[in-house]
């Protein structure tokens, strides 16, 4: 896995962990919002990596 791809995967995992912690602290709406960042980050990373190639 390249360095650029690892950054986006890491950011995705962090957003999922933040979403889980928000959900457990009874902030469900914010947790869902943050949880939607994961596919967005992955798509952005894939687009930027494809453009570099």
PDB file of N, CA and C in Angstrom:
ATOM      1  N   UNK A   1       0.851  -1.171   0.000  1.00  0.00           N
ATOM      2  CA  UNK A   1       0.000   0.000   0.000  1.00  0.00           C
ATOM      3  C   UNK A   1       0.894   1.230   0.000  1.00  0.00           C
ATOM      4  N   UNK A   2       0.612   2.158  -0.915  1.00  0.00           N
ATOM      5  CA  UNK A   2       1.412   3.365  -1.009  1.00  0.00           C
ATOM      6  C   UNK A   2       1.149   4.303   0.153  1.00  0.00           C
ATOM      7  N   UNK A   3       2.065   5.252   0.309  1.00  0.00           N
ATOM      8  CA  UNK A   3       1.950   6.203   1.405  1.00  0.00           C
ATOM      9  C   UNK A   3       0.694   7.051   1.277  1.00  0.00           C
ATOM     10  N   UNK A   4       0.389   7.514   0.066  1.00  0.00           N
ATOM     11  CA  UNK A   4      -0.797   8.328  -0.145  1.00  0.00           C
ATOM     12  C   UNK A   4      -2.068   7.583   0.184  1.00  0.00           C
ATOM     13  N   UNK A   5      -2.129   6.343  -0.246  1.00  0.00           N
ATOM     14  CA  UNK A   5      -3.316   5.526   0.017  1.00  0.00           C
ATOM     15  C   UNK A   5      -3.446   5.246   1.509  1.00  0.00           C
ATOM     16  N   UNK A   6      -2.350   5.028   2.182  1.00  0.00           N
ATOM     17  CA  UNK A   6      -2.377   4.755   3.617  1.00  0.00           C
ATOM     18  C   UNK A   6      -2.928   5.944   4.397  1.00  0.00           C
ATOM     19  N   UNK A   7      -2.641   7.142   3.940  1.00  0.00           N
ATOM     20  CA  UNK A   7      -3.151   8.339   4.605  1.00  0.00           C
ATOM     21  C   UNK A   7      -4.671   8.372   4.543  1.00  0.00           C
ATOM     22  N   UNK A   8      -5.225   8.089   3.374  1.00  0.00           N
ATOM     23  CA  UNK A   8      -6.677   8.119   3.218  1.00  0.00           C
ATOM     24  C   UNK A   8      -7.360   6.980   3.970  1.00  0.00           C
ATOM     25  N   UNK A   9      -6.757   5.815   3.971  1.00  0.00           N
ATOM     26  CA  UNK A   9      -7.324   4.697   4.730  1.00  0.00           C
ATOM     27  C   UNK A   9      -7.262   5.002   6.229  1.00  0.00           C
ATOM     28  N   UNK A  10      -6.167   5.583   6.672  1.00  0.00           N
ATOM     29  CA  UNK A  10      -6.043   5.970   8.081  1.00  0.00           C
ATOM     30  C   UNK A  10      -7.069   7.014   8.477  1.00  0.00           C
ATOM     31  N   UNK A  11      -7.278   7.998   7.621  1.00  0.00           N
ATOM     32  CA  UNK A  11      -8.283   9.026   7.900  1.00  0.00           C
ATOM     33  C   UNK A  11      -9.682   8.423   7.943  1.00  0.00           C
ATOM     34  N   UNK A  12      -9.925   7.437   7.089  1.00  0.00           N
ATOM     35  CA  UNK A  12     -11.216   6.759   7.098  1.00  0.00           C
ATOM     36  C   UNK A  12     -11.427   6.015   8.405  1.00  0.00           C
ATOM     37  N   UNK A  13     -10.424   5.290   8.850  1.00  0.00           N
ATOM     38  CA  UNK A  13     -10.540   4.553  10.109  1.00  0.00           C
ATOM     39  C   UNK A  13     -10.737   5.497  11.290  1.00  0.00           C
ATOM     40  N   UNK A  14     -10.052   6.627  11.278  1.00  0.00           N
ATOM     41  CA  UNK A  14     -10.225   7.617  12.350  1.00  0.00           C
ATOM     42  C   UNK A  14     -11.647   8.164  12.358  1.00  0.00           C
ATOM     43  N   UNK A  15     -12.201   8.447  11.182  1.00  0.00           N
ATOM     44  CA  UNK A  15     -13.563   8.973  11.136  1.00  0.00           C
ATOM     45  C   UNK A  15     -14.567   7.934  11.638  1.00  0.00           C
ATOM     46  N   UNK A  16     -14.320   6.663  11.358  1.00  0.00           N
ATOM     47  CA  UNK A  16     -15.209   5.608  11.856  1.00  0.00           C
ATOM     48  C   UNK A  16     -15.114   5.521  13.379  1.00  0.00           C
ATOM     49  N   UNK A  17     -13.910   5.594  13.915  1.00  0.00           N
ATOM     50  CA  UNK A  17     -13.747   5.542  15.370  1.00  0.00           C
ATOM     51  C   UNK A  17     -14.387   6.742  16.056  1.00  0.00           C
ATOM     52  N   UNK A  18     -14.259   7.915  15.463  1.00  0.00           N
ATOM     53  CA  UNK A  18     -14.907   9.104  16.016  1.00  0.00           C
ATOM     54  C   UNK A  18     -16.420   8.935  15.984  1.00  0.00           C
ATOM     55  N   UNK A  19     -16.925   8.393  14.890  1.00  0.00           N
ATOM     56  CA  UNK A  19     -18.362   8.171  14.765  1.00  0.00           C
ATOM     57  C   UNK A  19     -18.860   7.204  15.836  1.00  0.00           C
ATOM     58  N   UNK A  20     -18.137   6.139  16.080  1.00  0.00           N
ATOM     59  CA  UNK A  20     -18.532   5.173  17.109  1.00  0.00           C
ATOM     60  C   UNK A  20     -18.532   5.818  18.487  1.00  0.00           C
ATOM     61  N   UNK A  21     -17.507   6.608  18.777  1.00  0.00           N
ATOM     62  CA  UNK A  21     -17.447   7.248  20.094  1.00  0.00           C
ATOM     63  C   UNK A  21     -18.570   8.277  20.259  1.00  0.00           C
ATOM     64  N   UNK A  22     -18.911   8.993  19.201  1.00  0.00           N
ATOM     65  CA  UNK A  22     -20.030   9.933  19.287  1.00  0.00           C
ATOM     66  C   UNK A  22     -21.350   9.193  19.488  1.00  0.00           C
ATOM     67  N   UNK A  23     -21.516   8.088  18.812  1.00  0.00           N
ATOM     68  CA  UNK A  23     -22.749   7.309  18.949  1.00  0.00           C
ATOM     69  C   UNK A  23     -22.919   6.789  20.370  1.00  0.00           C
ATOM     70  N   UNK A  24     -21.838   6.343  20.957  1.00  0.00           N
ATOM     71  CA  UNK A  24     -21.891   5.816  22.326  1.00  0.00           C
ATOM     72  C   UNK A  24     -22.120   6.922  23.354  1.00  0.00           C
ATOM     73  N   UNK A  25     -21.811   8.169  22.991  1.00  0.00           N
ATOM     74  CA  UNK A  25     -22.024   9.278  23.928  1.00  0.00           C
ATOM     75  C   UNK A  25     -23.357   9.979  23.665  1.00  0.00           C
ATOM     76  N   UNK A  26     -24.310   9.249  23.066  1.00  0.00           N
ATOM     77  CA  UNK A  26     -25.672   9.730  22.818  1.00  0.00           C
ATOM     78  C   UNK A  26     -25.731  10.967  21.929  1.00  0.00           C
ATOM     79  N   UNK A  27     -24.879  11.021  20.935  1.00  0.00           N
ATOM     80  CA  UNK A  27     -24.930  12.084  19.933  1.00  0.00           C
ATOM     81  C   UNK A  27     -25.099  11.423  18.566  1.00  0.00           C
ATOM     82  N   UNK A  28     -26.221  10.713  18.412  1.00  0.00           N
ATOM     83  CA  UNK A  28     -26.453   9.874  17.250  1.00  0.00           C
ATOM     84  C   UNK A  28     -26.454  10.653  15.944  1.00  0.00           C
ATOM     85  N   UNK A  29     -27.085  11.814  15.901  1.00  0.00           N
ATOM     86  CA  UNK A  29     -27.143  12.578  14.650  1.00  0.00           C
ATOM     87  C   UNK A  29     -25.753  12.999  14.185  1.00  0.00           C
ATOM     88  N   UNK A  30     -24.940  13.468  15.105  1.00  0.00           N
ATOM     89  CA  UNK A  30     -23.576  13.849  14.753  1.00  0.00           C
ATOM     90  C   UNK A  30     -22.753  12.623  14.370  1.00  0.00           C
ATOM     91  N   UNK A  31     -22.999  11.508  15.031  1.00  0.00           N
ATOM     92  CA  UNK A  31     -22.288  10.267  14.715  1.00  0.00           C
ATOM     93  C   UNK A  31     -22.590   9.812  13.293  1.00  0.00           C
ATOM     94  N   UNK A  32     -23.849   9.908  12.891  1.00  0.00           N
ATOM     95  CA  UNK A  32     -24.218   9.530  11.524  1.00  0.00           C
ATOM     96  C   UNK A  32     -23.553  10.461  10.526  1.00  0.00           C
ATOM     97  N   UNK A  33     -23.539  11.752  10.823  1.00  0.00           N
ATOM     98  CA  UNK A  33     -22.891  12.726   9.939  1.00  0.00           C
ATOM     99  C   UNK A  33     -21.407  12.411   9.773  1.00  0.00           C
ATOM    100  N   UNK A  34     -20.724  12.182  10.871  1.00  0.00           N
ATOM    101  CA  UNK A  34     -19.294  11.871  10.805  1.00  0.00           C
ATOM    102  C   UNK A  34     -19.073  10.517  10.133  1.00  0.00           C
ATOM    103  N   UNK A  35     -19.969   9.572  10.361  1.00  0.00           N
ATOM    104  CA  UNK A  35     -19.852   8.262   9.727  1.00  0.00           C
ATOM    105  C   UNK A  35     -19.926   8.336   8.215  1.00  0.00           C
ATOM    106  N   UNK A  36     -20.624   9.336   7.710  1.00  0.00           N
ATOM    107  CA  UNK A  36     -20.714   9.510   6.254  1.00  0.00           C
ATOM    108  C   UNK A  36     -19.428  10.067   5.646  1.00  0.00           C
ATOM    109  N   UNK A  37     -18.503  10.512   6.484  1.00  0.00           N
ATOM    110  CA  UNK A  37     -17.220  10.987   5.969  1.00  0.00           C
ATOM    111  C   UNK A  37     -16.387   9.852   5.391  1.00  0.00           C
ATOM    112  N   UNK A  38     -16.518   8.641   5.936  1.00  0.00           N
ATOM    113  CA  UNK A  38     -15.658   7.522   5.529  1.00  0.00           C
ATOM    114  C   UNK A  38     -15.704   7.252   4.027  1.00  0.00           C
ATOM    115  N   UNK A  39     -16.872   7.056   3.419  1.00  0.00           N
ATOM    116  CA  UNK A  39     -16.862   6.807   1.974  1.00  0.00           C
ATOM    117  C   UNK A  39     -16.415   8.029   1.177  1.00  0.00           C
ATOM    118  N   UNK A  40     -16.691   9.213   1.710  1.00  0.00           N
ATOM    119  CA  UNK A  40     -16.259  10.430   1.028  1.00  0.00           C
ATOM    120  C   UNK A  40     -14.737  10.526   0.998  1.00  0.00           C
ATOM    121  N   UNK A  41     -14.104  10.226   2.122  1.00  0.00           N
ATOM    122  CA  UNK A  41     -12.638  10.264   2.195  1.00  0.00           C
ATOM    123  C   UNK A  41     -12.040   9.218   1.259  1.00  0.00           C
ATOM    124  N   UNK A  42     -12.614   8.021   1.250  1.00  0.00           N
ATOM    125  CA  UNK A  42     -12.102   6.971   0.363  1.00  0.00           C
ATOM    126  C   UNK A  42     -12.243   7.364  -1.107  1.00  0.00           C
ATOM    127  N   UNK A  43     -13.385   7.923  -1.477  1.00  0.00           N
ATOM    128  CA  UNK A  43     -13.583   8.354  -2.871  1.00  0.00           C
ATOM    129  C   UNK A  43     -12.642   9.481  -3.241  1.00  0.00           C
ATOM    130  N   UNK A  44     -12.454  10.434  -2.351  1.00  0.00           N
ATOM    131  CA  UNK A  44     -11.522  11.530  -2.617  1.00  0.00           C
ATOM    132  C   UNK A  44     -10.106  10.992  -2.794  1.00  0.00           C
ATOM    133  N   UNK A  45      -9.702  10.095  -1.903  1.00  0.00           N
ATOM    134  CA  UNK A  45      -8.360   9.521  -2.006  1.00  0.00           C
ATOM    135  C   UNK A  45      -8.164   8.751  -3.290  1.00  0.00           C
ATOM    136  N   UNK A  46      -9.154   7.960  -3.677  1.00  0.00           N
ATOM    137  CA  UNK A  46      -9.045   7.184  -4.918  1.00  0.00           C
ATOM    138  C   UNK A  46      -8.951   8.106  -6.128  1.00  0.00           C
ATOM    139  N   UNK A  47      -9.742   9.165  -6.125  1.00  0.00           N
ATOM    140  CA  UNK A  47      -9.716  10.115  -7.235  1.00  0.00           C
ATOM    141  C   UNK A  47      -8.361  10.810  -7.340  1.00  0.00           C
ATOM    142  N   UNK A  48      -7.825  11.246  -6.218  1.00  0.00           N
ATOM    143  CA  UNK A  48      -6.537  11.944  -6.237  1.00  0.00           C
ATOM    144  C   UNK A  48      -5.394  11.004  -6.609  1.00  0.00           C
ATOM    145  N   UNK A  49      -5.445   9.752  -6.145  1.00  0.00           N
ATOM    146  CA  UNK A  49      -4.398   8.786  -6.483  1.00  0.00           C
ATOM    147  C   UNK A  49      -4.475   8.430  -7.971  1.00  0.00           C
ATOM    148  N   UNK A  50      -5.699   8.278  -8.515  1.00  0.00           N
ATOM    149  CA  UNK A  50      -5.846   7.981  -9.930  1.00  0.00           C
ATOM    150  C   UNK A  50      -5.345   9.118 -10.802  1.00  0.00           C
ATOM    151  N   UNK A  51      -5.541  10.371 -10.350  1.00  0.00           N
ATOM    152  CA  UNK A  51      -5.090  11.526 -11.120  1.00  0.00           C
ATOM    153  C   UNK A  51      -3.571  11.618 -11.169  1.00  0.00           C
ATOM    154  N   UNK A  52      -2.894  11.116 -10.126  1.00  0.00           N
ATOM    155  CA  UNK A  52      -1.429  11.141 -10.097  1.00  0.00           C
ATOM    156  C   UNK A  52      -0.815  10.139 -11.053  1.00  0.00           C
ATOM    157  N   UNK A  53      -1.531   9.072 -11.329  1.00  0.00           N
ATOM    158  CA  UNK A  53      -0.984   7.992 -12.172  1.00  0.00           C
ATOM    159  C   UNK A  53      -0.977   8.365 -13.627  1.00  0.00           C
TER     160      UNK A  53
END
